[in-house]
Amino acid sequence: MILLRHGQSEFNAAFTLSRVDPGIVDPRLTELGRAQAREVAEALKGERLARVIASPYTRALETAAIVAGVLDLPVVVNPIVRERCAFTCDIGTPASELARRWPDLDFGHLDEVWWPALAESEAEIEARAAAFRAEMAAIRDWSDTLVVSHWGFILALTGERTRNGEWRRCDPTRPGPAAVPWVVG
């Protein structure tokens, strides 16, 4: 499968400058973030992809919509690939509002408030990533899947840091990272 970190969001742009949580709930993509998504879509044109799994955060849904639109792929929303709840940007948008914004996507399986009320521990996101790895390894053909996710989830799944709009391959049948480098040492 291919893991893609969403394009730059309004939160990412502000946080990069100050390293202080700017208080933006469920931010949208910036113009740079939309350009990153278009660039990824062009880069992935030669891949044999059949579907996109996207996090329900707005920045991931916008990224997925751009990429899926260019590649003519269906999008499935799955909250298991959401970001680690740690900042204001990790407060989501209610499922009914997401359904209004993206009427072509199915949000019926989400609770109205689908994001955690409290910050997630490293162990919790690592367990969620391990569960997703096992879920993907169990399907017949995981190699044709693009997963639009987030820095923390991709780090927990692979042990690798990603920048906005960066993608990498991941074989879910291989073991996950022995240790996740949450802090740079």
N, C-alpha and C. Protein backbone atom coordinates (compact mmCIF):
# COMPACT_ATOMS: atom_id res chain seq x y z
N MET A 1 0.85 -1.17 0.00
CA MET A 1 0.00 0.00 0.00
C MET A 1 0.90 1.23 0.00
N ILE A 2 0.27 2.35 -0.33
CA ILE A 2 1.00 3.62 -0.32
C ILE A 2 0.40 4.49 0.76
N LEU A 3 1.26 5.03 1.61
CA LEU A 3 0.84 5.95 2.66
C LEU A 3 1.18 7.36 2.23
N LEU A 4 0.22 8.26 2.34
CA LEU A 4 0.40 9.65 1.96
C LEU A 4 0.03 10.54 3.14
N ARG A 5 0.96 11.40 3.54
CA ARG A 5 0.62 12.41 4.53
C ARG A 5 -0.10 13.54 3.80
N HIS A 6 -1.20 13.99 4.35
CA HIS A 6 -2.00 15.06 3.74
C HIS A 6 -1.13 16.26 3.40
N GLY A 7 -1.64 17.09 2.50
CA GLY A 7 -0.94 18.32 2.15
C GLY A 7 -0.91 19.30 3.31
N GLN A 8 -0.12 20.34 3.15
CA GLN A 8 0.03 21.34 4.22
C GLN A 8 -1.34 21.92 4.60
N SER A 9 -1.60 21.95 5.89
CA SER A 9 -2.84 22.55 6.40
C SER A 9 -2.54 23.93 6.98
N GLU A 10 -3.61 24.66 7.26
CA GLU A 10 -3.47 25.96 7.91
C GLU A 10 -2.74 25.81 9.24
N PHE A 11 -3.03 24.74 9.97
CA PHE A 11 -2.35 24.47 11.24
C PHE A 11 -0.85 24.27 11.00
N ASN A 12 -0.50 23.42 10.01
CA ASN A 12 0.92 23.15 9.72
C ASN A 12 1.67 24.43 9.40
N ALA A 13 1.06 25.29 8.58
CA ALA A 13 1.72 26.53 8.18
C ALA A 13 1.99 27.42 9.39
N ALA A 14 1.02 27.56 10.28
CA ALA A 14 1.19 28.41 11.46
C ALA A 14 2.13 27.77 12.47
N PHE A 15 1.98 26.47 12.72
CA PHE A 15 2.79 25.79 13.72
C PHE A 15 4.27 25.76 13.33
N THR A 16 4.55 25.62 12.04
CA THR A 16 5.93 25.60 11.55
C THR A 16 6.64 26.91 11.90
N LEU A 17 5.93 28.02 11.85
CA LEU A 17 6.53 29.32 12.13
C LEU A 17 6.78 29.55 13.62
N SER A 18 5.84 29.11 14.46
CA SER A 18 5.91 29.46 15.88
C SER A 18 6.21 28.31 16.82
N ARG A 19 5.97 27.07 16.39
CA ARG A 19 6.05 25.86 17.22
C ARG A 19 5.08 25.94 18.40
N VAL A 20 4.04 26.77 18.24
CA VAL A 20 2.98 26.92 19.24
C VAL A 20 1.66 26.55 18.57
N ASP A 21 0.83 25.78 19.28
CA ASP A 21 -0.48 25.38 18.76
C ASP A 21 -1.29 26.65 18.45
N PRO A 22 -1.63 26.87 17.16
CA PRO A 22 -2.35 28.10 16.80
C PRO A 22 -3.85 28.04 17.08
N GLY A 23 -4.36 26.93 17.60
CA GLY A 23 -5.76 26.84 17.97
C GLY A 23 -6.73 26.69 16.81
N ILE A 24 -6.30 26.09 15.72
CA ILE A 24 -7.17 25.90 14.55
C ILE A 24 -7.78 24.51 14.60
N VAL A 25 -9.10 24.44 14.73
CA VAL A 25 -9.81 23.17 14.79
C VAL A 25 -10.00 22.63 13.37
N ASP A 26 -9.70 21.35 13.19
CA ASP A 26 -9.89 20.64 11.91
C ASP A 26 -9.58 21.53 10.70
N PRO A 27 -8.31 21.93 10.57
CA PRO A 27 -7.94 22.90 9.52
C PRO A 27 -8.07 22.36 8.11
N ARG A 28 -8.25 23.32 7.21
CA ARG A 28 -8.30 23.04 5.77
C ARG A 28 -6.88 23.08 5.21
N LEU A 29 -6.73 22.65 3.97
CA LEU A 29 -5.46 22.76 3.28
C LEU A 29 -5.18 24.22 2.92
N THR A 30 -3.90 24.56 2.88
CA THR A 30 -3.48 25.84 2.32
C THR A 30 -3.39 25.67 0.80
N GLU A 31 -3.13 26.75 0.10
CA GLU A 31 -2.92 26.64 -1.35
C GLU A 31 -1.73 25.73 -1.63
N LEU A 32 -0.67 25.83 -0.82
CA LEU A 32 0.48 24.93 -0.98
C LEU A 32 0.04 23.48 -0.77
N GLY A 33 -0.80 23.24 0.23
CA GLY A 33 -1.30 21.89 0.48
C GLY A 33 -2.08 21.33 -0.69
N ARG A 34 -2.90 22.17 -1.32
CA ARG A 34 -3.64 21.71 -2.51
C ARG A 34 -2.68 21.42 -3.66
N ALA A 35 -1.65 22.25 -3.81
CA ALA A 35 -0.64 22.02 -4.86
C ALA A 35 0.11 20.72 -4.58
N GLN A 36 0.43 20.45 -3.32
CA GLN A 36 1.11 19.20 -2.97
C GLN A 36 0.24 18.00 -3.34
N ALA A 37 -1.06 18.09 -3.08
CA ALA A 37 -1.96 17.00 -3.43
C ALA A 37 -2.01 16.78 -4.94
N ARG A 38 -2.05 17.87 -5.70
CA ARG A 38 -2.05 17.74 -7.17
C ARG A 38 -0.74 17.11 -7.66
N GLU A 39 0.38 17.49 -7.06
CA GLU A 39 1.69 16.92 -7.44
C GLU A 39 1.73 15.42 -7.15
N VAL A 40 1.21 15.03 -5.99
CA VAL A 40 1.17 13.61 -5.64
C VAL A 40 0.29 12.85 -6.63
N ALA A 41 -0.85 13.42 -6.97
CA ALA A 41 -1.74 12.75 -7.93
C ALA A 41 -1.02 12.50 -9.24
N GLU A 42 -0.28 13.48 -9.72
CA GLU A 42 0.48 13.31 -10.97
C GLU A 42 1.54 12.22 -10.80
N ALA A 43 2.22 12.23 -9.66
CA ALA A 43 3.28 11.24 -9.42
C ALA A 43 2.74 9.82 -9.31
N LEU A 44 1.50 9.68 -8.86
CA LEU A 44 0.91 8.36 -8.66
C LEU A 44 0.15 7.83 -9.88
N LYS A 45 0.13 8.59 -10.96
CA LYS A 45 -0.62 8.16 -12.15
C LYS A 45 -0.17 6.80 -12.68
N GLY A 46 1.08 6.45 -12.52
CA GLY A 46 1.57 5.19 -13.03
C GLY A 46 1.38 4.01 -12.08
N GLU A 47 0.88 4.27 -10.89
CA GLU A 47 0.66 3.20 -9.91
C GLU A 47 -0.66 2.50 -10.19
N ARG A 48 -0.73 1.25 -9.81
CA ARG A 48 -1.96 0.48 -9.97
C ARG A 48 -2.79 0.59 -8.70
N LEU A 49 -3.50 1.68 -8.58
CA LEU A 49 -4.32 1.92 -7.39
C LEU A 49 -5.79 1.69 -7.72
N ALA A 50 -6.51 1.13 -6.76
CA ALA A 50 -7.93 0.86 -6.96
C ALA A 50 -8.82 1.62 -5.99
N ARG A 51 -8.24 2.11 -4.88
CA ARG A 51 -9.06 2.78 -3.87
C ARG A 51 -8.20 3.68 -2.99
N VAL A 52 -8.88 4.60 -2.34
CA VAL A 52 -8.25 5.49 -1.37
C VAL A 52 -8.95 5.30 -0.04
N ILE A 53 -8.17 5.11 1.00
CA ILE A 53 -8.69 5.13 2.37
C ILE A 53 -8.24 6.46 2.95
N ALA A 54 -9.17 7.22 3.51
CA ALA A 54 -8.83 8.54 4.03
C ALA A 54 -9.29 8.71 5.47
N SER A 55 -8.50 9.43 6.22
CA SER A 55 -8.87 9.88 7.55
C SER A 55 -10.04 10.86 7.44
N PRO A 56 -10.90 10.95 8.44
CA PRO A 56 -12.02 11.89 8.37
C PRO A 56 -11.68 13.35 8.69
N TYR A 57 -10.42 13.66 8.98
CA TYR A 57 -10.07 15.06 9.18
C TYR A 57 -10.14 15.80 7.85
N THR A 58 -10.56 17.05 7.89
CA THR A 58 -10.76 17.85 6.67
C THR A 58 -9.52 17.88 5.80
N ARG A 59 -8.34 18.08 6.38
CA ARG A 59 -7.11 18.16 5.59
C ARG A 59 -6.83 16.86 4.83
N ALA A 60 -7.17 15.73 5.41
CA ALA A 60 -6.99 14.44 4.73
C ALA A 60 -8.06 14.24 3.66
N LEU A 61 -9.30 14.62 3.98
CA LEU A 61 -10.38 14.48 3.00
C LEU A 61 -10.15 15.37 1.78
N GLU A 62 -9.68 16.58 2.00
CA GLU A 62 -9.38 17.46 0.87
C GLU A 62 -8.25 16.89 0.02
N THR A 63 -7.21 16.38 0.67
CA THR A 63 -6.10 15.76 -0.06
C THR A 63 -6.61 14.56 -0.85
N ALA A 64 -7.38 13.70 -0.19
CA ALA A 64 -7.92 12.50 -0.86
C ALA A 64 -8.81 12.88 -2.03
N ALA A 65 -9.63 13.92 -1.88
CA ALA A 65 -10.53 14.34 -2.96
C ALA A 65 -9.74 14.78 -4.19
N ILE A 66 -8.66 15.50 -3.97
CA ILE A 66 -7.85 15.96 -5.10
C ILE A 66 -7.19 14.77 -5.80
N VAL A 67 -6.54 13.92 -5.01
CA VAL A 67 -5.83 12.77 -5.60
C VAL A 67 -6.81 11.82 -6.26
N ALA A 68 -7.90 11.48 -5.56
CA ALA A 68 -8.88 10.54 -6.11
C ALA A 68 -9.55 11.11 -7.35
N GLY A 69 -9.74 12.42 -7.38
CA GLY A 69 -10.34 13.05 -8.56
C GLY A 69 -9.47 12.92 -9.79
N VAL A 70 -8.18 13.13 -9.61
CA VAL A 70 -7.24 13.01 -10.74
C VAL A 70 -7.12 11.55 -11.18
N LEU A 71 -7.08 10.63 -10.21
CA LEU A 71 -6.86 9.22 -10.53
C LEU A 71 -8.15 8.43 -10.74
N ASP A 72 -9.30 9.10 -10.58
CA ASP A 72 -10.61 8.47 -10.74
C ASP A 72 -10.75 7.23 -9.85
N LEU A 73 -10.56 7.45 -8.53
CA LEU A 73 -10.63 6.37 -7.55
C LEU A 73 -11.72 6.65 -6.52
N PRO A 74 -12.33 5.59 -5.99
CA PRO A 74 -13.29 5.77 -4.90
C PRO A 74 -12.55 6.04 -3.59
N VAL A 75 -13.21 6.78 -2.69
CA VAL A 75 -12.64 7.10 -1.39
C VAL A 75 -13.50 6.46 -0.31
N VAL A 76 -12.85 5.77 0.61
CA VAL A 76 -13.50 5.19 1.78
C VAL A 76 -12.94 5.91 3.00
N VAL A 77 -13.82 6.39 3.86
CA VAL A 77 -13.39 7.10 5.07
C VAL A 77 -13.24 6.09 6.20
N ASN A 78 -12.08 6.12 6.84
CA ASN A 78 -11.81 5.18 7.94
C ASN A 78 -11.11 5.92 9.08
N PRO A 79 -11.78 6.07 10.23
CA PRO A 79 -11.18 6.82 11.32
C PRO A 79 -9.98 6.14 11.97
N ILE A 80 -9.73 4.89 11.68
CA ILE A 80 -8.56 4.22 12.27
C ILE A 80 -7.26 4.88 11.79
N VAL A 81 -7.27 5.54 10.62
CA VAL A 81 -6.05 6.16 10.09
C VAL A 81 -5.97 7.65 10.46
N ARG A 82 -6.78 8.09 11.43
CA ARG A 82 -6.77 9.49 11.85
C ARG A 82 -5.46 9.84 12.57
N GLU A 83 -5.27 11.11 12.80
CA GLU A 83 -4.09 11.59 13.50
C GLU A 83 -4.16 11.25 14.99
N ARG A 84 -3.01 11.24 15.62
CA ARG A 84 -2.94 11.10 17.07
C ARG A 84 -3.54 12.37 17.67
N CYS A 85 -4.47 12.22 18.54
CA CYS A 85 -5.13 13.38 19.14
C CYS A 85 -4.18 14.01 20.16
N ALA A 86 -3.58 15.16 19.77
CA ALA A 86 -2.61 15.81 20.64
C ALA A 86 -2.69 17.34 20.57
N PHE A 87 -3.27 17.90 19.50
CA PHE A 87 -3.32 19.35 19.30
C PHE A 87 -4.75 19.77 18.99
N THR A 88 -4.97 21.07 18.95
CA THR A 88 -6.29 21.61 18.61
C THR A 88 -6.73 21.14 17.23
N CYS A 89 -5.80 21.00 16.30
CA CYS A 89 -6.15 20.57 14.94
C CYS A 89 -6.73 19.15 14.91
N ASP A 90 -6.58 18.42 16.01
CA ASP A 90 -7.06 17.05 16.07
C ASP A 90 -8.47 16.94 16.65
N ILE A 91 -9.11 18.09 16.84
CA ILE A 91 -10.55 18.13 17.12
C ILE A 91 -11.21 18.11 15.74
N GLY A 92 -12.04 17.12 15.51
CA GLY A 92 -12.62 16.94 14.18
C GLY A 92 -13.89 17.72 13.95
N THR A 93 -14.49 17.46 12.82
CA THR A 93 -15.78 18.02 12.43
C THR A 93 -16.82 16.92 12.59
N PRO A 94 -17.99 17.23 13.15
CA PRO A 94 -19.02 16.19 13.33
C PRO A 94 -19.36 15.48 12.01
N ALA A 95 -19.67 14.20 12.13
CA ALA A 95 -19.95 13.37 10.95
C ALA A 95 -21.07 13.95 10.09
N SER A 96 -22.11 14.52 10.70
CA SER A 96 -23.21 15.08 9.90
C SER A 96 -22.74 16.26 9.05
N GLU A 97 -21.82 17.07 9.58
CA GLU A 97 -21.29 18.19 8.82
C GLU A 97 -20.37 17.69 7.70
N LEU A 98 -19.56 16.66 7.99
CA LEU A 98 -18.71 16.08 6.94
C LEU A 98 -19.58 15.53 5.81
N ALA A 99 -20.68 14.87 6.16
CA ALA A 99 -21.59 14.32 5.14
C ALA A 99 -22.21 15.42 4.29
N ARG A 100 -22.46 16.57 4.91
CA ARG A 100 -23.01 17.70 4.15
C ARG A 100 -21.95 18.25 3.19
N ARG A 101 -20.69 18.34 3.64
CA ARG A 101 -19.61 18.88 2.81
C ARG A 101 -19.21 17.93 1.68
N TRP A 102 -19.23 16.62 1.96
CA TRP A 102 -18.82 15.61 0.98
C TRP A 102 -19.97 14.62 0.78
N PRO A 103 -21.01 15.02 0.06
CA PRO A 103 -22.20 14.16 -0.07
C PRO A 103 -21.93 12.85 -0.82
N ASP A 104 -20.85 12.77 -1.56
CA ASP A 104 -20.54 11.54 -2.30
C ASP A 104 -19.80 10.51 -1.44
N LEU A 105 -19.41 10.89 -0.23
CA LEU A 105 -18.70 9.96 0.65
C LEU A 105 -19.64 9.44 1.73
N ASP A 106 -19.34 8.25 2.24
CA ASP A 106 -20.16 7.62 3.27
C ASP A 106 -19.55 7.88 4.64
N PHE A 107 -20.28 8.58 5.49
CA PHE A 107 -19.87 8.84 6.86
C PHE A 107 -20.82 8.15 7.85
N GLY A 108 -21.73 7.32 7.34
CA GLY A 108 -22.74 6.68 8.17
C GLY A 108 -22.18 5.77 9.24
N HIS A 109 -20.98 5.26 9.06
CA HIS A 109 -20.38 4.36 10.04
C HIS A 109 -19.65 5.11 11.16
N LEU A 110 -19.56 6.44 11.05
CA LEU A 110 -18.87 7.23 12.07
C LEU A 110 -19.84 7.67 13.16
N ASP A 111 -19.38 7.72 14.39
CA ASP A 111 -20.14 8.39 15.44
C ASP A 111 -20.16 9.87 15.09
N GLU A 112 -21.14 10.60 15.58
CA GLU A 112 -21.20 12.04 15.30
C GLU A 112 -19.90 12.72 15.75
N VAL A 113 -19.42 12.40 16.92
CA VAL A 113 -18.12 12.85 17.40
C VAL A 113 -17.20 11.63 17.35
N TRP A 114 -16.39 11.55 16.32
CA TRP A 114 -15.60 10.35 16.02
C TRP A 114 -14.15 10.46 16.51
N TRP A 115 -13.72 11.61 16.94
CA TRP A 115 -12.35 11.81 17.42
C TRP A 115 -12.34 11.65 18.95
N PRO A 116 -11.20 11.31 19.53
CA PRO A 116 -11.14 11.11 20.98
C PRO A 116 -11.30 12.43 21.75
N ALA A 117 -11.88 12.33 22.94
CA ALA A 117 -12.06 13.51 23.78
C ALA A 117 -10.76 13.91 24.48
N LEU A 118 -9.89 12.95 24.66
CA LEU A 118 -8.63 13.18 25.36
C LEU A 118 -7.45 12.88 24.46
N ALA A 119 -6.30 13.44 24.79
CA ALA A 119 -5.08 13.16 24.03
C ALA A 119 -4.79 11.67 24.05
N GLU A 120 -4.32 11.16 22.93
CA GLU A 120 -3.95 9.75 22.84
C GLU A 120 -2.51 9.56 23.29
N SER A 121 -2.26 8.50 23.98
CA SER A 121 -0.88 8.17 24.35
C SER A 121 -0.16 7.58 23.14
N GLU A 122 1.14 7.53 23.23
CA GLU A 122 1.93 6.89 22.17
C GLU A 122 1.53 5.43 22.02
N ALA A 123 1.31 4.76 23.15
CA ALA A 123 0.91 3.34 23.11
C ALA A 123 -0.43 3.17 22.41
N GLU A 124 -1.36 4.10 22.61
CA GLU A 124 -2.68 3.98 21.99
C GLU A 124 -2.61 4.13 20.47
N ILE A 125 -1.86 5.11 19.98
CA ILE A 125 -1.77 5.27 18.52
C ILE A 125 -0.95 4.13 17.91
N GLU A 126 0.04 3.64 18.61
CA GLU A 126 0.82 2.50 18.11
C GLU A 126 -0.08 1.26 18.01
N ALA A 127 -0.96 1.06 18.99
CA ALA A 127 -1.89 -0.08 18.94
C ALA A 127 -2.87 0.08 17.78
N ARG A 128 -3.34 1.31 17.55
CA ARG A 128 -4.26 1.57 16.43
C ARG A 128 -3.57 1.30 15.10
N ALA A 129 -2.31 1.72 14.99
CA ALA A 129 -1.54 1.47 13.76
C ALA A 129 -1.32 -0.03 13.57
N ALA A 130 -1.04 -0.74 14.63
CA ALA A 130 -0.84 -2.20 14.53
C ALA A 130 -2.13 -2.89 14.11
N ALA A 131 -3.26 -2.41 14.61
CA ALA A 131 -4.56 -2.99 14.21
C ALA A 131 -4.81 -2.74 12.72
N PHE A 132 -4.49 -1.55 12.26
CA PHE A 132 -4.68 -1.26 10.83
C PHE A 132 -3.74 -2.11 9.99
N ARG A 133 -2.49 -2.26 10.42
CA ARG A 133 -1.53 -3.12 9.70
C ARG A 133 -2.11 -4.52 9.57
N ALA A 134 -2.63 -5.07 10.64
CA ALA A 134 -3.20 -6.43 10.61
C ALA A 134 -4.43 -6.49 9.70
N GLU A 135 -5.28 -5.46 9.76
CA GLU A 135 -6.48 -5.40 8.91
C GLU A 135 -6.08 -5.39 7.43
N MET A 136 -5.08 -4.59 7.08
CA MET A 136 -4.65 -4.52 5.68
C MET A 136 -3.95 -5.80 5.25
N ALA A 137 -3.15 -6.40 6.12
CA ALA A 137 -2.44 -7.64 5.78
C ALA A 137 -3.42 -8.78 5.51
N ALA A 138 -4.60 -8.71 6.11
CA ALA A 138 -5.58 -9.78 5.96
C ALA A 138 -6.37 -9.70 4.66
N ILE A 139 -6.34 -8.55 3.97
CA ILE A 139 -7.10 -8.47 2.72
C ILE A 139 -6.28 -9.04 1.57
N ARG A 140 -6.99 -9.47 0.55
CA ARG A 140 -6.34 -10.17 -0.57
C ARG A 140 -5.31 -9.30 -1.28
N ASP A 141 -5.68 -8.09 -1.64
CA ASP A 141 -4.74 -7.26 -2.38
C ASP A 141 -4.67 -5.87 -1.77
N TRP A 142 -3.76 -5.72 -0.85
CA TRP A 142 -3.56 -4.44 -0.19
C TRP A 142 -2.68 -3.51 -1.01
N SER A 143 -1.99 -4.04 -2.01
CA SER A 143 -1.01 -3.24 -2.75
C SER A 143 -1.64 -2.16 -3.62
N ASP A 144 -2.95 -2.25 -3.86
CA ASP A 144 -3.60 -1.26 -4.72
C ASP A 144 -4.32 -0.17 -3.92
N THR A 145 -3.90 0.02 -2.66
CA THR A 145 -4.56 0.95 -1.76
C THR A 145 -3.67 2.15 -1.45
N LEU A 146 -4.24 3.33 -1.56
CA LEU A 146 -3.60 4.57 -1.12
C LEU A 146 -4.27 4.98 0.17
N VAL A 147 -3.49 5.25 1.21
CA VAL A 147 -4.00 5.66 2.50
C VAL A 147 -3.58 7.11 2.75
N VAL A 148 -4.57 8.00 2.86
CA VAL A 148 -4.29 9.42 3.13
C VAL A 148 -4.44 9.63 4.63
N SER A 149 -3.32 9.90 5.27
CA SER A 149 -3.30 9.94 6.73
C SER A 149 -2.48 11.13 7.23
N HIS A 150 -1.79 10.92 8.34
CA HIS A 150 -1.17 12.01 9.10
C HIS A 150 0.21 11.62 9.63
N TRP A 151 0.94 12.64 10.05
CA TRP A 151 2.31 12.46 10.56
C TRP A 151 2.37 11.41 11.66
N GLY A 152 1.56 11.57 12.71
CA GLY A 152 1.63 10.66 13.85
C GLY A 152 1.24 9.24 13.52
N PHE A 153 0.18 9.07 12.70
CA PHE A 153 -0.25 7.72 12.35
C PHE A 153 0.78 7.03 11.48
N ILE A 154 1.32 7.74 10.50
CA ILE A 154 2.33 7.14 9.62
C ILE A 154 3.59 6.82 10.42
N LEU A 155 3.97 7.68 11.35
CA LEU A 155 5.12 7.40 12.21
C LEU A 155 4.88 6.15 13.04
N ALA A 156 3.70 6.02 13.63
CA ALA A 156 3.38 4.83 14.43
C ALA A 156 3.36 3.57 13.58
N LEU A 157 2.93 3.68 12.33
CA LEU A 157 2.82 2.52 11.44
C LEU A 157 4.18 2.09 10.88
N THR A 158 5.04 3.07 10.60
CA THR A 158 6.30 2.76 9.90
C THR A 158 7.57 3.07 10.67
N GLY A 159 7.48 3.94 11.68
CA GLY A 159 8.67 4.41 12.37
C GLY A 159 9.38 5.52 11.62
N GLU A 160 8.75 6.03 10.55
CA GLU A 160 9.37 7.07 9.72
C GLU A 160 8.56 8.35 9.76
N ARG A 161 9.28 9.46 9.81
CA ARG A 161 8.64 10.78 9.75
C ARG A 161 8.37 11.15 8.29
N THR A 162 7.26 11.86 8.06
CA THR A 162 6.93 12.31 6.71
C THR A 162 6.61 13.80 6.73
N ARG A 163 6.87 14.43 5.62
CA ARG A 163 6.49 15.83 5.45
C ARG A 163 5.13 15.88 4.75
N ASN A 164 4.51 17.04 4.81
CA ASN A 164 3.22 17.20 4.12
C ASN A 164 3.38 16.88 2.64
N GLY A 165 2.45 16.08 2.11
CA GLY A 165 2.48 15.72 0.70
C GLY A 165 3.50 14.66 0.34
N GLU A 166 4.14 14.07 1.33
CA GLU A 166 5.14 13.02 1.07
C GLU A 166 4.46 11.65 1.18
N TRP A 167 4.88 10.72 0.32
CA TRP A 167 4.32 9.37 0.33
C TRP A 167 5.41 8.34 0.34
N ARG A 168 5.03 7.15 0.81
CA ARG A 168 5.95 6.02 0.83
C ARG A 168 5.17 4.72 0.78
N ARG A 169 5.85 3.69 0.35
CA ARG A 169 5.23 2.36 0.28
C ARG A 169 5.33 1.68 1.65
N CYS A 170 4.35 0.84 1.93
CA CYS A 170 4.34 0.10 3.19
C CYS A 170 3.75 -1.28 2.93
N ASP A 171 4.47 -2.30 3.32
CA ASP A 171 4.00 -3.68 3.20
C ASP A 171 3.44 -4.09 4.55
N PRO A 172 2.12 -4.20 4.68
CA PRO A 172 1.54 -4.52 5.98
C PRO A 172 1.79 -5.95 6.43
N THR A 173 2.30 -6.81 5.55
CA THR A 173 2.60 -8.18 5.96
C THR A 173 3.95 -8.27 6.66
N ARG A 174 4.72 -7.20 6.59
CA ARG A 174 6.01 -7.16 7.30
C ARG A 174 5.80 -6.57 8.69
N PRO A 175 6.65 -6.91 9.63
CA PRO A 175 6.49 -6.38 10.99
C PRO A 175 6.61 -4.85 11.02
N GLY A 176 5.90 -4.25 11.95
CA GLY A 176 6.00 -2.81 12.16
C GLY A 176 7.30 -2.47 12.84
N PRO A 177 7.52 -1.19 13.14
CA PRO A 177 8.77 -0.77 13.77
C PRO A 177 8.93 -1.37 15.17
N ALA A 178 10.16 -1.73 15.51
CA ALA A 178 10.43 -2.25 16.86
C ALA A 178 10.22 -1.17 17.91
N ALA A 179 10.56 0.05 17.53
CA ALA A 179 10.36 1.21 18.41
C ALA A 179 10.01 2.40 17.54
N VAL A 180 9.13 3.25 18.03
CA VAL A 180 8.73 4.43 17.28
C VAL A 180 9.46 5.64 17.85
N PRO A 181 10.22 6.34 17.00
CA PRO A 181 11.02 7.48 17.47
C PRO A 181 10.18 8.77 17.61
N TRP A 182 9.35 8.83 18.66
CA TRP A 182 8.50 9.99 18.86
C TRP A 182 9.31 11.26 19.10
N VAL A 183 10.42 11.10 19.80
CA VAL A 183 11.28 12.25 20.09
C VAL A 183 12.60 12.03 19.36
N VAL A 184 13.07 13.10 18.70
CA VAL A 184 14.35 13.01 18.02
C VAL A 184 15.44 13.12 19.06
N GLY A 185 16.34 12.13 19.07
CA GLY A 185 17.37 12.08 20.11
C GLY A 185 18.71 12.53 19.69
